[in-house]
Amino acid sequence: MSLPETVFDYEHHLAACARGERQALHDLYVQESPRLLGVAKRLVRDSALAEDIVHDAFLKIWTGAGGFDPARGSARGWMFSVTRHLALNYLRDHNRELQGDVDVPDSTDTGDAQVHSAHIHRCLEQLEPLRRDCLVHAYVDGYSHAQISHKLGTPLGTVKAWIKRSLTALRECLG
């Protein structure tokens, strides 16, 4: 018999950071730094630079924790957003080209980005609410399939199938 997976409480740790509790920042770092480093590396394509960005991200997380608003999204998603924005700002400031399929919008294509975002939201709205929740938990909140299964009280196989089918439906809608 396996023990239930404990879910790390990001909101609690951010609130503790806002109160100046250094241990909370340490716990966040231990929990999330490898994944944040992966995000930064994918964007800047340089390990040393990615490490600097993650360091700066944790400084920003520490100083900005009091401004985190859970009504606007998940705490973990906010941390990823902080890291991603620092990496994208670095690339923008240093006129570095992104490789792969990551796009950094500039002021000339903001309208296109807004249209694309609206299209994605329309496609997401077409999904059944539980399936949409699965995608949001997986790709915005960063939950594992097992965490989503536990959170929704749904069998793991069902969660995996919903995510797979929902991604297919999104691809078709966006096609």
N, C-alpha and C. Protein backbone atom coordinates (compact mmCIF):
# COMPACT_ATOMS: atom_id res chain seq x y z
N MET A 1 0.84 -1.18 0.00
CA MET A 1 0.00 0.00 0.00
C MET A 1 0.89 1.24 0.00
N SER A 2 0.63 2.14 -0.93
CA SER A 2 1.44 3.35 -0.99
C SER A 2 0.75 4.48 -0.23
N LEU A 3 1.58 5.36 0.29
CA LEU A 3 1.04 6.51 1.02
C LEU A 3 0.55 7.54 0.02
N PRO A 4 -0.49 8.31 0.38
CA PRO A 4 -0.96 9.34 -0.55
C PRO A 4 0.12 10.40 -0.76
N GLU A 5 0.18 10.89 -1.96
CA GLU A 5 1.16 11.91 -2.31
C GLU A 5 0.77 13.22 -1.65
N THR A 6 1.72 13.84 -0.95
CA THR A 6 1.41 15.12 -0.34
C THR A 6 1.61 16.22 -1.38
N VAL A 7 0.74 17.19 -1.35
CA VAL A 7 0.80 18.29 -2.29
C VAL A 7 1.50 19.47 -1.60
N PHE A 8 2.53 19.97 -2.22
CA PHE A 8 3.29 21.10 -1.69
C PHE A 8 2.40 22.34 -1.72
N ASP A 9 2.33 23.07 -0.64
CA ASP A 9 1.46 24.24 -0.53
C ASP A 9 2.24 25.51 -0.90
N TYR A 10 2.20 25.84 -2.19
CA TYR A 10 2.93 27.00 -2.70
C TYR A 10 2.40 28.31 -2.11
N GLU A 11 1.07 28.43 -2.01
CA GLU A 11 0.48 29.66 -1.48
C GLU A 11 0.95 29.91 -0.05
N HIS A 12 0.94 28.87 0.76
CA HIS A 12 1.39 28.99 2.15
C HIS A 12 2.84 29.47 2.20
N HIS A 13 3.68 28.90 1.36
CA HIS A 13 5.10 29.27 1.36
C HIS A 13 5.31 30.70 0.85
N LEU A 14 4.53 31.12 -0.14
CA LEU A 14 4.65 32.51 -0.60
C LEU A 14 4.20 33.48 0.49
N ALA A 15 3.13 33.14 1.19
CA ALA A 15 2.66 33.98 2.29
C ALA A 15 3.74 34.07 3.39
N ALA A 16 4.40 32.95 3.65
CA ALA A 16 5.48 32.95 4.64
C ALA A 16 6.65 33.81 4.16
N CYS A 17 6.95 33.77 2.86
CA CYS A 17 8.00 34.65 2.31
C CYS A 17 7.62 36.11 2.52
N ALA A 18 6.35 36.42 2.29
CA ALA A 18 5.89 37.80 2.46
C ALA A 18 6.06 38.26 3.91
N ARG A 19 6.00 37.32 4.84
CA ARG A 19 6.21 37.64 6.26
C ARG A 19 7.70 37.65 6.63
N GLY A 20 8.58 37.35 5.66
CA GLY A 20 10.01 37.38 5.92
C GLY A 20 10.60 36.08 6.42
N GLU A 21 9.88 34.98 6.26
CA GLU A 21 10.36 33.68 6.75
C GLU A 21 11.27 33.04 5.69
N ARG A 22 12.57 33.11 5.95
CA ARG A 22 13.56 32.63 4.99
C ARG A 22 13.44 31.13 4.69
N GLN A 23 13.03 30.36 5.68
CA GLN A 23 12.89 28.91 5.47
C GLN A 23 11.87 28.63 4.36
N ALA A 24 10.85 29.45 4.25
CA ALA A 24 9.84 29.26 3.21
C ALA A 24 10.45 29.43 1.82
N LEU A 25 11.33 30.43 1.68
CA LEU A 25 12.01 30.62 0.41
C LEU A 25 12.91 29.42 0.10
N HIS A 26 13.61 28.95 1.11
CA HIS A 26 14.46 27.77 0.94
C HIS A 26 13.63 26.58 0.48
N ASP A 27 12.48 26.37 1.12
CA ASP A 27 11.61 25.24 0.75
C ASP A 27 11.11 25.38 -0.69
N LEU A 28 10.73 26.60 -1.08
CA LEU A 28 10.30 26.84 -2.46
C LEU A 28 11.44 26.54 -3.43
N TYR A 29 12.64 26.97 -3.06
CA TYR A 29 13.81 26.74 -3.91
C TYR A 29 14.06 25.24 -4.09
N VAL A 30 14.06 24.51 -3.00
CA VAL A 30 14.29 23.07 -3.07
C VAL A 30 13.20 22.39 -3.91
N GLN A 31 11.97 22.82 -3.71
CA GLN A 31 10.83 22.20 -4.40
C GLN A 31 10.83 22.50 -5.90
N GLU A 32 11.14 23.74 -6.27
CA GLU A 32 10.86 24.17 -7.64
C GLU A 32 12.04 24.59 -8.49
N SER A 33 13.21 24.83 -7.91
CA SER A 33 14.32 25.36 -8.70
C SER A 33 14.72 24.48 -9.89
N PRO A 34 14.71 23.15 -9.78
CA PRO A 34 15.09 22.36 -10.97
C PRO A 34 14.16 22.60 -12.17
N ARG A 35 12.87 22.72 -11.91
CA ARG A 35 11.92 22.95 -13.01
C ARG A 35 12.03 24.37 -13.55
N LEU A 36 12.24 25.33 -12.66
CA LEU A 36 12.40 26.71 -13.11
C LEU A 36 13.69 26.85 -13.93
N LEU A 37 14.72 26.13 -13.52
CA LEU A 37 15.97 26.13 -14.29
C LEU A 37 15.72 25.55 -15.68
N GLY A 38 14.92 24.52 -15.75
CA GLY A 38 14.58 23.93 -17.06
C GLY A 38 13.88 24.93 -17.96
N VAL A 39 12.95 25.70 -17.40
CA VAL A 39 12.24 26.72 -18.17
C VAL A 39 13.23 27.76 -18.68
N ALA A 40 14.07 28.25 -17.79
CA ALA A 40 15.04 29.28 -18.18
C ALA A 40 16.01 28.75 -19.25
N LYS A 41 16.49 27.52 -19.08
CA LYS A 41 17.42 26.93 -20.06
C LYS A 41 16.78 26.80 -21.43
N ARG A 42 15.51 26.38 -21.46
CA ARG A 42 14.82 26.24 -22.75
C ARG A 42 14.71 27.58 -23.46
N LEU A 43 14.57 28.65 -22.69
CA LEU A 43 14.40 29.96 -23.31
C LEU A 43 15.73 30.60 -23.72
N VAL A 44 16.72 30.58 -22.83
CA VAL A 44 17.96 31.31 -23.12
C VAL A 44 19.05 30.44 -23.74
N ARG A 45 18.88 29.13 -23.67
CA ARG A 45 19.82 28.19 -24.29
C ARG A 45 21.25 28.33 -23.77
N ASP A 46 21.37 28.67 -22.47
CA ASP A 46 22.69 28.84 -21.87
C ASP A 46 22.55 28.50 -20.38
N SER A 47 23.25 27.47 -19.94
CA SER A 47 23.10 26.98 -18.56
C SER A 47 23.49 28.01 -17.51
N ALA A 48 24.62 28.67 -17.68
CA ALA A 48 25.07 29.64 -16.69
C ALA A 48 24.11 30.82 -16.61
N LEU A 49 23.67 31.29 -17.76
CA LEU A 49 22.72 32.40 -17.81
C LEU A 49 21.38 31.97 -17.18
N ALA A 50 20.95 30.76 -17.46
CA ALA A 50 19.71 30.25 -16.88
C ALA A 50 19.80 30.20 -15.35
N GLU A 51 20.96 29.80 -14.83
CA GLU A 51 21.14 29.78 -13.38
C GLU A 51 21.04 31.18 -12.79
N ASP A 52 21.61 32.17 -13.49
CA ASP A 52 21.51 33.56 -13.04
C ASP A 52 20.05 34.03 -13.04
N ILE A 53 19.32 33.65 -14.06
CA ILE A 53 17.92 34.05 -14.17
C ILE A 53 17.10 33.43 -13.04
N VAL A 54 17.35 32.16 -12.74
CA VAL A 54 16.62 31.51 -11.64
C VAL A 54 16.98 32.17 -10.31
N HIS A 55 18.24 32.51 -10.12
CA HIS A 55 18.64 33.24 -8.91
C HIS A 55 17.86 34.55 -8.80
N ASP A 56 17.85 35.31 -9.90
CA ASP A 56 17.11 36.57 -9.91
C ASP A 56 15.61 36.34 -9.71
N ALA A 57 15.10 35.24 -10.25
CA ALA A 57 13.68 34.93 -10.08
C ALA A 57 13.36 34.70 -8.61
N PHE A 58 14.21 33.99 -7.91
CA PHE A 58 13.94 33.74 -6.50
C PHE A 58 14.07 35.02 -5.66
N LEU A 59 14.95 35.92 -6.06
CA LEU A 59 15.01 37.22 -5.38
C LEU A 59 13.70 37.98 -5.61
N LYS A 60 13.22 37.93 -6.83
CA LYS A 60 11.96 38.61 -7.18
C LYS A 60 10.77 37.93 -6.48
N ILE A 61 10.80 36.61 -6.38
CA ILE A 61 9.75 35.88 -5.67
C ILE A 61 9.76 36.29 -4.20
N TRP A 62 10.95 36.38 -3.60
CA TRP A 62 11.08 36.76 -2.20
C TRP A 62 10.54 38.17 -1.97
N THR A 63 10.96 39.11 -2.81
CA THR A 63 10.56 40.50 -2.59
C THR A 63 9.12 40.77 -3.05
N GLY A 64 8.63 39.97 -3.98
CA GLY A 64 7.29 40.21 -4.51
C GLY A 64 6.21 39.31 -3.96
N ALA A 65 6.57 38.43 -3.03
CA ALA A 65 5.61 37.45 -2.51
C ALA A 65 4.36 38.11 -1.93
N GLY A 66 4.53 39.27 -1.31
CA GLY A 66 3.38 39.97 -0.73
C GLY A 66 2.39 40.45 -1.77
N GLY A 67 2.84 40.61 -3.00
CA GLY A 67 1.96 41.06 -4.07
C GLY A 67 1.28 39.94 -4.83
N PHE A 68 1.61 38.69 -4.48
CA PHE A 68 0.96 37.56 -5.15
C PHE A 68 -0.53 37.56 -4.82
N ASP A 69 -1.36 37.41 -5.85
CA ASP A 69 -2.81 37.40 -5.68
C ASP A 69 -3.36 36.05 -6.15
N PRO A 70 -3.79 35.19 -5.21
CA PRO A 70 -4.29 33.87 -5.60
C PRO A 70 -5.53 33.93 -6.48
N ALA A 71 -6.24 35.06 -6.48
CA ALA A 71 -7.41 35.19 -7.34
C ALA A 71 -7.02 35.28 -8.81
N ARG A 72 -5.75 35.62 -9.08
CA ARG A 72 -5.29 35.78 -10.46
C ARG A 72 -4.62 34.54 -11.02
N GLY A 73 -4.41 33.50 -10.17
CA GLY A 73 -3.78 32.28 -10.65
C GLY A 73 -3.09 31.55 -9.52
N SER A 74 -2.49 30.43 -9.87
CA SER A 74 -1.84 29.60 -8.86
C SER A 74 -0.50 30.20 -8.46
N ALA A 75 -0.08 29.89 -7.25
CA ALA A 75 1.20 30.36 -6.75
C ALA A 75 2.34 29.79 -7.58
N ARG A 76 2.23 28.53 -7.91
CA ARG A 76 3.29 27.89 -8.70
C ARG A 76 3.34 28.51 -10.10
N GLY A 77 2.19 28.74 -10.67
CA GLY A 77 2.14 29.39 -11.98
C GLY A 77 2.75 30.78 -11.95
N TRP A 78 2.53 31.50 -10.83
CA TRP A 78 3.11 32.83 -10.67
C TRP A 78 4.63 32.74 -10.65
N MET A 79 5.17 31.74 -9.95
CA MET A 79 6.62 31.57 -9.89
C MET A 79 7.19 31.28 -11.29
N PHE A 80 6.51 30.44 -12.04
CA PHE A 80 6.95 30.15 -13.41
C PHE A 80 6.87 31.40 -14.27
N SER A 81 5.82 32.18 -14.06
CA SER A 81 5.66 33.41 -14.82
C SER A 81 6.79 34.40 -14.52
N VAL A 82 7.16 34.54 -13.26
CA VAL A 82 8.27 35.42 -12.87
C VAL A 82 9.54 34.98 -13.59
N THR A 83 9.82 33.70 -13.57
CA THR A 83 11.04 33.18 -14.20
C THR A 83 11.01 33.38 -15.71
N ARG A 84 9.89 33.04 -16.31
CA ARG A 84 9.75 33.16 -17.76
C ARG A 84 9.90 34.62 -18.19
N HIS A 85 9.27 35.53 -17.47
CA HIS A 85 9.37 36.94 -17.83
C HIS A 85 10.81 37.47 -17.69
N LEU A 86 11.51 37.05 -16.66
CA LEU A 86 12.91 37.47 -16.54
C LEU A 86 13.74 36.97 -17.72
N ALA A 87 13.53 35.72 -18.11
CA ALA A 87 14.27 35.16 -19.24
C ALA A 87 13.92 35.89 -20.54
N LEU A 88 12.63 36.12 -20.75
CA LEU A 88 12.21 36.82 -21.98
C LEU A 88 12.70 38.26 -21.99
N ASN A 89 12.68 38.91 -20.83
CA ASN A 89 13.21 40.28 -20.76
C ASN A 89 14.69 40.31 -21.07
N TYR A 90 15.44 39.33 -20.56
CA TYR A 90 16.86 39.26 -20.88
C TYR A 90 17.06 39.14 -22.39
N LEU A 91 16.31 38.23 -23.00
CA LEU A 91 16.45 38.03 -24.45
C LEU A 91 16.09 39.31 -25.21
N ARG A 92 15.03 39.95 -24.80
CA ARG A 92 14.60 41.19 -25.45
C ARG A 92 15.67 42.27 -25.28
N ASP A 93 16.16 42.42 -24.06
CA ASP A 93 17.15 43.47 -23.77
C ASP A 93 18.47 43.24 -24.49
N HIS A 94 18.79 42.01 -24.77
CA HIS A 94 20.06 41.70 -25.41
C HIS A 94 19.89 41.30 -26.87
N ASN A 95 18.71 41.53 -27.43
CA ASN A 95 18.42 41.26 -28.84
C ASN A 95 18.84 39.86 -29.27
N ARG A 96 18.63 38.89 -28.37
CA ARG A 96 18.98 37.52 -28.71
C ARG A 96 17.79 36.86 -29.36
N GLU A 97 18.06 36.06 -30.35
CA GLU A 97 17.00 35.34 -31.04
C GLU A 97 16.62 34.10 -30.25
N LEU A 98 15.34 33.84 -30.20
CA LEU A 98 14.87 32.61 -29.60
C LEU A 98 14.90 31.52 -30.66
N GLN A 99 15.26 30.34 -30.22
CA GLN A 99 15.24 29.21 -31.13
C GLN A 99 14.04 28.35 -30.78
N GLY A 100 13.57 27.60 -31.73
CA GLY A 100 12.43 26.72 -31.45
C GLY A 100 11.13 27.46 -31.66
N ASP A 101 10.10 27.01 -30.96
CA ASP A 101 8.77 27.54 -31.22
C ASP A 101 8.33 28.55 -30.18
N VAL A 102 9.23 29.11 -29.40
CA VAL A 102 8.85 30.11 -28.42
C VAL A 102 8.86 31.46 -29.11
N ASP A 103 7.82 32.25 -28.90
CA ASP A 103 7.68 33.53 -29.57
C ASP A 103 7.64 34.63 -28.54
N VAL A 104 8.46 35.64 -28.73
CA VAL A 104 8.45 36.80 -27.84
C VAL A 104 7.75 37.92 -28.57
N PRO A 105 6.52 38.25 -28.19
CA PRO A 105 5.82 39.32 -28.91
C PRO A 105 6.46 40.67 -28.63
N ASP A 106 6.54 41.51 -29.63
CA ASP A 106 6.97 42.88 -29.41
C ASP A 106 5.77 43.78 -29.64
N SER A 107 5.98 45.07 -29.56
CA SER A 107 4.85 45.98 -29.63
C SER A 107 4.13 45.91 -30.97
N THR A 108 4.81 45.46 -32.03
CA THR A 108 4.17 45.41 -33.34
C THR A 108 3.24 44.21 -33.50
N ASP A 109 3.45 43.16 -32.71
CA ASP A 109 2.56 42.02 -32.88
C ASP A 109 1.69 41.74 -31.65
N THR A 110 1.50 42.75 -30.80
CA THR A 110 0.65 42.59 -29.63
C THR A 110 -0.77 42.25 -30.04
N GLY A 111 -1.25 42.89 -31.08
CA GLY A 111 -2.61 42.60 -31.56
C GLY A 111 -2.76 41.16 -31.99
N ASP A 112 -1.76 40.63 -32.69
CA ASP A 112 -1.79 39.23 -33.11
C ASP A 112 -1.79 38.31 -31.90
N ALA A 113 -1.01 38.65 -30.89
CA ALA A 113 -0.96 37.83 -29.68
C ALA A 113 -2.31 37.83 -28.97
N GLN A 114 -2.96 38.99 -28.95
CA GLN A 114 -4.28 39.07 -28.31
C GLN A 114 -5.32 38.25 -29.07
N VAL A 115 -5.26 38.30 -30.39
CA VAL A 115 -6.19 37.51 -31.20
C VAL A 115 -5.95 36.03 -30.96
N HIS A 116 -4.68 35.62 -30.95
CA HIS A 116 -4.33 34.22 -30.71
C HIS A 116 -4.79 33.78 -29.32
N SER A 117 -4.57 34.63 -28.33
CA SER A 117 -4.99 34.32 -26.97
C SER A 117 -6.51 34.16 -26.89
N ALA A 118 -7.23 35.03 -27.54
CA ALA A 118 -8.70 34.93 -27.55
C ALA A 118 -9.15 33.63 -28.21
N HIS A 119 -8.46 33.24 -29.27
CA HIS A 119 -8.78 31.99 -29.98
C HIS A 119 -8.55 30.79 -29.06
N ILE A 120 -7.45 30.80 -28.35
CA ILE A 120 -7.15 29.71 -27.40
C ILE A 120 -8.24 29.64 -26.33
N HIS A 121 -8.63 30.80 -25.81
CA HIS A 121 -9.68 30.81 -24.76
C HIS A 121 -11.00 30.28 -25.31
N ARG A 122 -11.34 30.63 -26.54
CA ARG A 122 -12.58 30.10 -27.14
C ARG A 122 -12.50 28.58 -27.26
N CYS A 123 -11.36 28.09 -27.67
CA CYS A 123 -11.18 26.64 -27.80
C CYS A 123 -11.26 25.95 -26.44
N LEU A 124 -10.65 26.55 -25.43
CA LEU A 124 -10.71 25.98 -24.09
C LEU A 124 -12.15 25.96 -23.57
N GLU A 125 -12.91 27.00 -23.87
CA GLU A 125 -14.30 27.06 -23.41
C GLU A 125 -15.16 25.96 -24.04
N GLN A 126 -14.74 25.42 -25.16
CA GLN A 126 -15.50 24.35 -25.82
C GLN A 126 -15.32 23.00 -25.13
N LEU A 127 -14.29 22.89 -24.29
CA LEU A 127 -14.04 21.64 -23.58
C LEU A 127 -14.99 21.52 -22.39
N GLU A 128 -15.29 20.29 -22.02
CA GLU A 128 -16.08 20.06 -20.81
C GLU A 128 -15.28 20.62 -19.63
N PRO A 129 -15.97 21.19 -18.63
CA PRO A 129 -15.26 21.84 -17.52
C PRO A 129 -14.22 20.96 -16.82
N LEU A 130 -14.52 19.70 -16.54
CA LEU A 130 -13.54 18.85 -15.86
C LEU A 130 -12.30 18.61 -16.73
N ARG A 131 -12.51 18.45 -18.02
CA ARG A 131 -11.37 18.24 -18.93
C ARG A 131 -10.53 19.51 -19.04
N ARG A 132 -11.20 20.65 -19.09
CA ARG A 132 -10.49 21.93 -19.13
C ARG A 132 -9.69 22.10 -17.84
N ASP A 133 -10.30 21.76 -16.70
CA ASP A 133 -9.60 21.85 -15.41
C ASP A 133 -8.34 20.98 -15.41
N CYS A 134 -8.44 19.79 -15.98
CA CYS A 134 -7.27 18.91 -16.06
C CYS A 134 -6.12 19.59 -16.82
N LEU A 135 -6.44 20.19 -17.95
CA LEU A 135 -5.41 20.87 -18.74
C LEU A 135 -4.81 22.05 -17.97
N VAL A 136 -5.66 22.83 -17.33
CA VAL A 136 -5.16 23.98 -16.58
C VAL A 136 -4.26 23.53 -15.44
N HIS A 137 -4.70 22.50 -14.72
CA HIS A 137 -3.86 21.99 -13.62
C HIS A 137 -2.53 21.46 -14.14
N ALA A 138 -2.55 20.81 -15.29
CA ALA A 138 -1.32 20.23 -15.83
C ALA A 138 -0.38 21.28 -16.41
N TYR A 139 -0.92 22.22 -17.20
CA TYR A 139 -0.06 23.11 -17.97
C TYR A 139 0.07 24.52 -17.39
N VAL A 140 -0.81 24.90 -16.49
CA VAL A 140 -0.68 26.21 -15.85
C VAL A 140 -0.18 26.04 -14.43
N ASP A 141 -0.84 25.16 -13.68
CA ASP A 141 -0.46 24.95 -12.29
C ASP A 141 0.74 24.03 -12.14
N GLY A 142 1.04 23.24 -13.18
CA GLY A 142 2.20 22.35 -13.15
C GLY A 142 2.00 21.08 -12.35
N TYR A 143 0.75 20.67 -12.14
CA TYR A 143 0.48 19.45 -11.38
C TYR A 143 0.82 18.22 -12.21
N SER A 144 1.24 17.17 -11.53
CA SER A 144 1.43 15.89 -12.20
C SER A 144 0.06 15.27 -12.43
N HIS A 145 0.00 14.25 -13.28
CA HIS A 145 -1.27 13.56 -13.51
C HIS A 145 -1.80 12.97 -12.21
N ALA A 146 -0.90 12.43 -11.38
CA ALA A 146 -1.33 11.85 -10.10
C ALA A 146 -1.91 12.92 -9.18
N GLN A 147 -1.31 14.10 -9.16
CA GLN A 147 -1.83 15.19 -8.33
C GLN A 147 -3.22 15.63 -8.81
N ILE A 148 -3.39 15.69 -10.13
CA ILE A 148 -4.69 16.07 -10.68
C ILE A 148 -5.73 15.02 -10.31
N SER A 149 -5.36 13.76 -10.45
CA SER A 149 -6.26 12.67 -10.11
C SER A 149 -6.71 12.79 -8.65
N HIS A 150 -5.77 13.04 -7.77
CA HIS A 150 -6.09 13.18 -6.35
C HIS A 150 -6.96 14.40 -6.10
N LYS A 151 -6.59 15.53 -6.71
CA LYS A 151 -7.32 16.79 -6.51
C LYS A 151 -8.77 16.68 -6.99
N LEU A 152 -8.98 16.01 -8.13
CA LEU A 152 -10.33 15.90 -8.69
C LEU A 152 -11.08 14.66 -8.23
N GLY A 153 -10.39 13.76 -7.54
CA GLY A 153 -11.04 12.52 -7.11
C GLY A 153 -11.44 11.66 -8.29
N THR A 154 -10.61 11.66 -9.31
CA THR A 154 -10.87 10.94 -10.56
C THR A 154 -9.75 9.93 -10.79
N PRO A 155 -10.07 8.74 -11.32
CA PRO A 155 -9.01 7.75 -11.56
C PRO A 155 -7.90 8.31 -12.45
N LEU A 156 -6.67 7.89 -12.17
CA LEU A 156 -5.50 8.37 -12.90
C LEU A 156 -5.63 8.12 -14.40
N GLY A 157 -6.09 6.94 -14.78
CA GLY A 157 -6.24 6.63 -16.21
C GLY A 157 -7.22 7.57 -16.90
N THR A 158 -8.26 7.93 -16.20
CA THR A 158 -9.25 8.85 -16.75
C THR A 158 -8.64 10.23 -16.96
N VAL A 159 -7.88 10.69 -15.98
CA VAL A 159 -7.21 12.00 -16.09
C VAL A 159 -6.28 12.01 -17.29
N LYS A 160 -5.48 10.95 -17.44
CA LYS A 160 -4.55 10.88 -18.58
C LYS A 160 -5.30 10.89 -19.91
N ALA A 161 -6.39 10.14 -19.97
CA ALA A 161 -7.18 10.09 -21.21
C ALA A 161 -7.81 11.46 -21.51
N TRP A 162 -8.35 12.11 -20.48
CA TRP A 162 -8.96 13.43 -20.68
C TRP A 162 -7.93 14.43 -21.21
N ILE A 163 -6.74 14.42 -20.62
CA ILE A 163 -5.71 15.36 -21.06
C ILE A 163 -5.33 15.08 -22.51
N LYS A 164 -5.13 13.82 -22.84
CA LYS A 164 -4.75 13.46 -24.21
C LYS A 164 -5.83 13.88 -25.21
N ARG A 165 -7.08 13.55 -24.90
CA ARG A 165 -8.18 13.90 -25.81
C ARG A 165 -8.39 15.41 -25.89
N SER A 166 -8.22 16.09 -24.76
CA SER A 166 -8.41 17.54 -24.73
C SER A 166 -7.33 18.24 -25.55
N LEU A 167 -6.11 17.77 -25.48
CA LEU A 167 -5.03 18.34 -26.29
C LEU A 167 -5.31 18.15 -27.77
N THR A 168 -5.83 16.96 -28.11
CA THR A 168 -6.19 16.69 -29.51
C THR A 168 -7.29 17.64 -29.96
N ALA A 169 -8.30 17.85 -29.11
CA ALA A 169 -9.39 18.76 -29.44
C ALA A 169 -8.89 20.19 -29.60
N LEU A 170 -7.96 20.60 -28.73
CA LEU A 170 -7.39 21.95 -28.84
C LEU A 170 -6.62 22.11 -30.16
N ARG A 171 -5.83 21.10 -30.51
CA ARG A 171 -5.08 21.17 -31.77
C ARG A 171 -6.03 21.32 -32.96
N GLU A 172 -7.11 20.56 -32.94
CA GLU A 172 -8.08 20.63 -34.04
C GLU A 172 -8.75 21.99 -34.07
N CYS A 173 -9.12 22.50 -32.91
CA CYS A 173 -9.78 23.81 -32.83
C CYS A 173 -8.84 24.92 -33.31
N LEU A 174 -7.59 24.83 -32.92
CA LEU A 174 -6.62 25.87 -33.27
C LEU A 174 -6.09 25.71 -34.70
N GLY A 175 -6.26 24.49 -35.25
CA GLY A 175 -5.75 24.12 -36.56
C GLY A 175 -5.97 25.09 -37.61
